[in-house]
Amino acid sequence: MGGLAHFIERAGIPTTQISLIRAHTEKIRPPRALAVPFELGRPLGAPNEPDFQRRVLRDCLSLLARPAGPVLEDFPDGPPGEAVADEPDGWACPVNFAAPVTQMSDADVLHQALQQEVTLLGPWYAQSKENRGGRTGFGISGRTPDEIVRFLADFAVAPETCESPLPDTPVIVAFKRMADDLRYYYTEAAIARPDGRGSDIEIATWLWGDTTLGALLVAVRDWAMESDDATTRELAMNAMVPTHQRHRTQHG
């Protein structure tokens, strides 16, 4: 978007944008940008927070008053919910899981643990989807939850030899799409209960800290950060684990 902004400005149209990765924006130097401290995929901070989202948009649009750039400013606040995440009586998942599997040495054990989590969350995911009129973020990979957990378990144990299950798609990209699908499945299930609304941080802390899926994704990120493949390292660096959960990884 930063590169496109330069072309649009040359046509005489002022531009502004939200930057989720400040380091990239510093290199591309778009005419105007607002750097936000939110996770990838959440440029406005958090869902169901209209007042906060309007603040982000107003700050971004206010940069259009600057006649020339590059202008790069920081949004001052973190996403809503960080303050309440530490409260003992905050959000709780509607399902109680067994302790997560943290050893990535047996694909069948991982598969069984993931399958149990998906099965327990299934009714809540269906309820959540119904609550939102059928809308869901799950489905980008085109694979079922059962197909995804099988692939993720196999990949976590043997990433170097695992083959891509998606046609014409590198295996690491297939992993990313299928992992994202399952994260949406877990997250949407976790917020299904009408009285169970939690903050982004609360739900992420549960997913990354209390589930086998979270443990698996952290382990794969640790492996990917040391890969010889540049694409794999790039995905690991920027898109596998949100910033506020990287304390769980070896490389931060």
Foldseek 3Di string as FASTA:
>chain_A
DQQVQVVVVVVVDHDWEEDADVVVCVVSLHWYYEYEPAWPPCSQQFPPPVVSSVVSVVVRVVRSVDPTDSYYHYDDDHHPFPVCLPPPPAFDFPDDADFADQDLADLVVQLVQQVVVLVRLVVLLVLLCVVVVNDFPAQPLVDDSNVLSSLLSVCLNPVPPRAQPGPPDHNLVSNLNSLVNVVRSQLSSRCNDPPRDHTPVNSLCCVLPGGNSNSSLQSLLQVQCPDPDPVSNVCSVGPRHTPVNCVVHPVD
